[in-house]
Amino acid sequence: MNTPKIQTLRLRAAALALCLVHVLGVGILGAPAQAADAPVKLQSLRGAEVPASDPEGDGARYGRDQPPMPRDFVQQPPLIPHTIRGYTITKNFNKCLDCHAWSRAKETGATKISVTHFKDREGQELSSVSPRRYFCSQCHVPQSDAKPLVGNTFRPGVGMR
């Protein structure tokens, strides 16, 4: 029996891969994939066009040291009432802790980090901020007067009015 050589098998595998890319890229989508430098047209799930620019450049204003805005629901993380432009948060440094750490909050007048941020996932208290709560901007965002991209009818829960 005549078996194909390894080089022939590699060529067949490459040809099959190219066919799959073509079918997935053109056949299913109906058009060839866009070039890497072509502009991307964004669209919301409801079909509204979304500008691709940075929201800050579109009129959103992140003020300095504003009074905190009220929360809309019980578990909403507090909004940040000041700009965080230029703040660095890496695995080795967190600019937020310069003011909000328990040891600095009284001196700086900032709100102390919640005690919930010092517990691990099993509920054990730690002596420093939990790694899962260390990256503040995962949950906390700056307050803004930006207009919503899509209208909604959300109203705060009765307990928050």
C-alpha atoms as a PDB file:
ATOM      1  CA  MET A   1       0.000   0.000   0.000  1.00  0.00           C
ATOM      2  CA  ASN A   2       1.309   3.438  -0.921  1.00  0.00           C
ATOM      3  CA  THR A   3       1.186   5.919   2.045  1.00  0.00           C
ATOM      4  CA  PRO A   4       1.449   9.701   1.475  1.00  0.00           C
ATOM      5  CA  LYS A   5       4.632  11.441   2.550  1.00  0.00           C
ATOM      6  CA  ILE A   6       4.603  13.847   5.517  1.00  0.00           C
ATOM      7  CA  GLN A   7       5.112  16.837   3.204  1.00  0.00           C
ATOM      8  CA  THR A   8       2.010  15.878   1.223  1.00  0.00           C
ATOM      9  CA  LEU A   9      -0.017  15.583   4.442  1.00  0.00           C
ATOM     10  CA  ARG A  10       1.137  19.059   5.532  1.00  0.00           C
ATOM     11  CA  LEU A  11       0.113  20.540   2.171  1.00  0.00           C
ATOM     12  CA  ARG A  12      -3.325  18.909   2.429  1.00  0.00           C
ATOM     13  CA  ALA A  13      -3.759  20.241   5.987  1.00  0.00           C
ATOM     14  CA  ALA A  14      -2.779  23.765   4.868  1.00  0.00           C
ATOM     15  CA  ALA A  15      -5.218  23.604   1.937  1.00  0.00           C
ATOM     16  CA  LEU A  16      -8.009  22.447   4.271  1.00  0.00           C
ATOM     17  CA  ALA A  17      -7.237  25.285   6.695  1.00  0.00           C
ATOM     18  CA  LEU A  18      -7.397  27.846   3.886  1.00  0.00           C
ATOM     19  CA  CYS A  19     -10.742  26.437   2.741  1.00  0.00           C
ATOM     20  CA  LEU A  20     -12.132  26.687   6.278  1.00  0.00           C
ATOM     21  CA  VAL A  21     -10.943  30.280   6.635  1.00  0.00           C
ATOM     22  CA  HIS A  22     -12.586  31.124   3.309  1.00  0.00           C
ATOM     23  CA  VAL A  23     -15.871  29.428   4.244  1.00  0.00           C
ATOM     24  CA  LEU A  24     -15.995  31.005   7.700  1.00  0.00           C
ATOM     25  CA  GLY A  25     -14.854  34.436   6.510  1.00  0.00           C
ATOM     26  CA  VAL A  26     -16.925  34.702   3.332  1.00  0.00           C
ATOM     27  CA  GLY A  27     -19.546  31.971   3.315  1.00  0.00           C
ATOM     28  CA  ILE A  28     -21.092  32.596   6.724  1.00  0.00           C
ATOM     29  CA  LEU A  29     -20.582  36.347   6.936  1.00  0.00           C
ATOM     30  CA  GLY A  30     -21.414  36.937   3.299  1.00  0.00           C
ATOM     31  CA  ALA A  31     -18.443  39.226   2.690  1.00  0.00           C
ATOM     32  CA  PRO A  32     -14.672  39.000   2.963  1.00  0.00           C
ATOM     33  CA  ALA A  33     -13.137  40.053   6.254  1.00  0.00           C
ATOM     34  CA  GLN A  34     -12.300  43.779   6.526  1.00  0.00           C
ATOM     35  CA  ALA A  35      -8.740  44.944   6.142  1.00  0.00           C
ATOM     36  CA  ALA A  36      -6.992  45.674   9.434  1.00  0.00           C
ATOM     37  CA  ASP A  37      -6.808  49.418   8.701  1.00  0.00           C
ATOM     38  CA  ALA A  38     -10.435  49.781   7.528  1.00  0.00           C
ATOM     39  CA  PRO A  39     -12.651  51.854   9.855  1.00  0.00           C
ATOM     40  CA  VAL A  40     -14.956  49.858  12.082  1.00  0.00           C
ATOM     41  CA  LYS A  41     -18.609  50.851  12.159  1.00  0.00           C
ATOM     42  CA  LEU A  42     -20.035  50.277  15.639  1.00  0.00           C
ATOM     43  CA  GLN A  43     -23.671  49.563  16.287  1.00  0.00           C
ATOM     44  CA  SER A  44     -25.633  49.000  19.488  1.00  0.00           C
ATOM     45  CA  LEU A  45     -27.628  45.832  20.025  1.00  0.00           C
ATOM     46  CA  ARG A  46     -30.737  47.829  19.123  1.00  0.00           C
ATOM     47  CA  GLY A  47     -29.215  48.999  15.839  1.00  0.00           C
ATOM     48  CA  ALA A  48     -28.301  52.577  16.819  1.00  0.00           C
ATOM     49  CA  GLU A  49     -24.967  53.873  15.541  1.00  0.00           C
ATOM     50  CA  VAL A  50     -22.318  54.381  18.205  1.00  0.00           C
ATOM     51  CA  PRO A  51     -19.472  56.868  17.697  1.00  0.00           C
ATOM     52  CA  ALA A  52     -16.107  55.112  17.811  1.00  0.00           C
ATOM     53  CA  SER A  53     -14.368  58.008  19.547  1.00  0.00           C
ATOM     54  CA  ASP A  54     -13.515  58.272  23.222  1.00  0.00           C
ATOM     55  CA  PRO A  55     -16.610  59.398  25.190  1.00  0.00           C
ATOM     56  CA  GLU A  56     -14.504  62.011  27.021  1.00  0.00           C
ATOM     57  CA  GLY A  57     -13.895  63.717  23.694  1.00  0.00           C
ATOM     58  CA  ASP A  58     -17.636  63.823  22.998  1.00  0.00           C
ATOM     59  CA  GLY A  59     -18.564  66.191  25.776  1.00  0.00           C
ATOM     60  CA  ALA A  60     -18.462  64.044  28.899  1.00  0.00           C
ATOM     61  CA  ARG A  61     -17.022  66.074  31.719  1.00  0.00           C
ATOM     62  CA  TYR A  62     -15.248  64.390  34.595  1.00  0.00           C
ATOM     63  CA  GLY A  63     -15.083  67.085  37.238  1.00  0.00           C
ATOM     64  CA  ARG A  64     -12.784  67.487  40.166  1.00  0.00           C
ATOM     65  CA  ASP A  65     -13.996  66.809  43.693  1.00  0.00           C
ATOM     66  CA  GLN A  66     -17.746  66.984  43.145  1.00  0.00           C
ATOM     67  CA  PRO A  67     -20.274  65.939  45.740  1.00  0.00           C
ATOM     68  CA  PRO A  68     -21.035  62.221  45.283  1.00  0.00           C
ATOM     69  CA  MET A  69     -24.036  61.379  43.116  1.00  0.00           C
ATOM     70  CA  PRO A  70     -26.734  59.217  44.706  1.00  0.00           C
ATOM     71  CA  ARG A  71     -26.701  55.502  43.936  1.00  0.00           C
ATOM     72  CA  ASP A  72     -29.451  53.987  41.790  1.00  0.00           C
ATOM     73  CA  PHE A  73     -29.528  50.530  43.366  1.00  0.00           C
ATOM     74  CA  VAL A  74     -28.490  48.957  46.666  1.00  0.00           C
ATOM     75  CA  GLN A  75     -25.372  47.096  45.495  1.00  0.00           C
ATOM     76  CA  GLN A  76     -24.109  49.840  43.132  1.00  0.00           C
ATOM     77  CA  PRO A  77     -20.446  50.622  43.771  1.00  0.00           C
ATOM     78  CA  PRO A  78     -19.983  54.297  44.669  1.00  0.00           C
ATOM     79  CA  LEU A  79     -19.067  56.551  41.754  1.00  0.00           C
ATOM     80  CA  ILE A  80     -15.722  58.363  41.863  1.00  0.00           C
ATOM     81  CA  PRO A  81     -16.408  62.093  42.442  1.00  0.00           C
ATOM     82  CA  HIS A  82     -13.105  63.254  40.906  1.00  0.00           C
ATOM     83  CA  THR A  83     -11.028  62.721  37.793  1.00  0.00           C
ATOM     84  CA  ILE A  84      -8.838  59.623  37.613  1.00  0.00           C
ATOM     85  CA  ARG A  85      -7.007  60.579  34.431  1.00  0.00           C
ATOM     86  CA  GLY A  86      -3.406  59.478  34.795  1.00  0.00           C
ATOM     87  CA  TYR A  87      -4.096  57.189  37.772  1.00  0.00           C
ATOM     88  CA  THR A  88      -2.005  54.048  37.643  1.00  0.00           C
ATOM     89  CA  ILE A  89      -3.269  50.708  38.870  1.00  0.00           C
ATOM     90  CA  THR A  90      -0.916  47.807  38.261  1.00  0.00           C
ATOM     91  CA  LYS A  91      -0.256  44.619  40.203  1.00  0.00           C
ATOM     92  CA  ASN A  92       2.528  46.488  42.050  1.00  0.00           C
ATOM     93  CA  PHE A  93       0.993  49.948  42.526  1.00  0.00           C
ATOM     94  CA  ASN A  94      -2.466  51.431  43.073  1.00  0.00           C
ATOM     95  CA  LYS A  95      -2.745  55.232  43.002  1.00  0.00           C
ATOM     96  CA  CYS A  96      -6.175  55.097  44.685  1.00  0.00           C
ATOM     97  CA  LEU A  97      -4.592  53.763  47.876  1.00  0.00           C
ATOM     98  CA  ASP A  98      -2.541  56.970  48.248  1.00  0.00           C
ATOM     99  CA  CYS A  99      -5.702  58.613  49.602  1.00  0.00           C
ATOM    100  CA  HIS A 100      -8.289  55.891  50.279  1.00  0.00           C
ATOM    101  CA  ALA A 101      -6.164  53.451  52.319  1.00  0.00           C
ATOM    102  CA  TRP A 102      -7.267  53.303  55.954  1.00  0.00           C
ATOM    103  CA  SER A 103      -3.905  54.678  57.064  1.00  0.00           C
ATOM    104  CA  ARG A 104      -4.258  57.755  54.791  1.00  0.00           C
ATOM    105  CA  ALA A 105      -7.994  58.492  54.595  1.00  0.00           C
ATOM    106  CA  LYS A 106      -8.207  60.728  57.679  1.00  0.00           C
ATOM    107  CA  GLU A 107      -5.167  62.753  56.596  1.00  0.00           C
ATOM    108  CA  THR A 108      -6.415  63.211  53.011  1.00  0.00           C
ATOM    109  CA  GLY A 109     -10.136  63.556  53.769  1.00  0.00           C
ATOM    110  CA  ALA A 110     -10.979  60.722  51.379  1.00  0.00           C
ATOM    111  CA  THR A 111     -13.511  57.963  51.956  1.00  0.00           C
ATOM    112  CA  LYS A 112     -11.948  54.845  53.483  1.00  0.00           C
ATOM    113  CA  ILE A 113     -12.014  51.618  51.506  1.00  0.00           C
ATOM    114  CA  SER A 114     -14.936  49.459  52.620  1.00  0.00           C
ATOM    115  CA  VAL A 115     -14.167  46.624  55.027  1.00  0.00           C
ATOM    116  CA  THR A 116     -15.658  44.259  52.414  1.00  0.00           C
ATOM    117  CA  HIS A 117     -12.556  44.895  50.298  1.00  0.00           C
ATOM    118  CA  PHE A 118     -10.383  43.200  52.951  1.00  0.00           C
ATOM    119  CA  LYS A 119     -12.002  39.761  52.696  1.00  0.00           C
ATOM    120  CA  ASP A 120     -10.976  36.880  50.479  1.00  0.00           C
ATOM    121  CA  ARG A 121     -13.529  34.769  48.614  1.00  0.00           C
ATOM    122  CA  GLU A 122     -13.944  32.472  51.639  1.00  0.00           C
ATOM    123  CA  GLY A 123     -14.811  35.475  53.836  1.00  0.00           C
ATOM    124  CA  GLN A 124     -11.529  35.454  55.788  1.00  0.00           C
ATOM    125  CA  GLU A 125     -10.319  38.915  56.774  1.00  0.00           C
ATOM    126  CA  LEU A 126      -6.986  40.007  55.311  1.00  0.00           C
ATOM    127  CA  SER A 127      -4.536  42.632  56.538  1.00  0.00           C
ATOM    128  CA  SER A 128      -4.510  44.365  53.142  1.00  0.00           C
ATOM    129  CA  VAL A 129      -6.903  44.850  50.234  1.00  0.00           C
ATOM    130  CA  SER A 130      -7.998  41.556  48.698  1.00  0.00           C
ATOM    131  CA  PRO A 131      -6.474  40.856  45.269  1.00  0.00           C
ATOM    132  CA  ARG A 132      -9.984  40.476  43.853  1.00  0.00           C
ATOM    133  CA  ARG A 133     -10.852  44.021  45.037  1.00  0.00           C
ATOM    134  CA  TYR A 134      -7.480  45.655  44.270  1.00  0.00           C
ATOM    135  CA  PHE A 135      -8.281  46.968  40.769  1.00  0.00           C
ATOM    136  CA  CYS A 136     -10.715  49.720  41.783  1.00  0.00           C
ATOM    137  CA  SER A 137     -11.792  50.789  38.287  1.00  0.00           C
ATOM    138  CA  GLN A 138     -13.271  47.333  37.612  1.00  0.00           C
ATOM    139  CA  CYS A 139     -16.297  48.468  39.625  1.00  0.00           C
ATOM    140  CA  HIS A 140     -15.871  52.159  40.411  1.00  0.00           C
ATOM    141  CA  VAL A 141     -16.138  54.686  37.576  1.00  0.00           C
ATOM    142  CA  PRO A 142     -15.897  58.479  37.522  1.00  0.00           C
ATOM    143  CA  GLN A 143     -19.096  60.495  37.746  1.00  0.00           C
ATOM    144  CA  SER A 144     -20.013  62.116  34.472  1.00  0.00           C
ATOM    145  CA  ASP A 145     -22.684  64.322  32.970  1.00  0.00           C
ATOM    146  CA  ALA A 146     -22.515  62.282  29.746  1.00  0.00           C
ATOM    147  CA  LYS A 147     -25.776  61.701  27.927  1.00  0.00           C
ATOM    148  CA  PRO A 148     -26.768  58.012  27.644  1.00  0.00           C
ATOM    149  CA  LEU A 149     -26.074  56.367  24.289  1.00  0.00           C
ATOM    150  CA  VAL A 150     -29.465  54.677  24.389  1.00  0.00           C
ATOM    151  CA  GLY A 151     -32.539  55.900  26.254  1.00  0.00           C
ATOM    152  CA  ASN A 152     -34.022  53.740  28.996  1.00  0.00           C
ATOM    153  CA  THR A 153     -36.820  53.786  31.536  1.00  0.00           C
ATOM    154  CA  PHE A 154     -34.826  52.578  34.564  1.00  0.00           C
ATOM    155  CA  ARG A 155     -36.033  53.908  37.910  1.00  0.00           C
ATOM    156  CA  PRO A 156     -34.280  53.326  41.249  1.00  0.00           C
ATOM    157  CA  GLY A 157     -35.838  50.703  43.491  1.00  0.00           C
ATOM    158  CA  VAL A 158     -38.398  51.860  46.067  1.00  0.00           C
ATOM    159  CA  GLY A 159     -35.884  51.391  48.898  1.00  0.00           C
ATOM    160  CA  MET A 160     -33.470  53.855  47.261  1.00  0.00           C
ATOM    161  CA  ARG A 161     -35.909  56.788  46.830  1.00  0.00           C
END
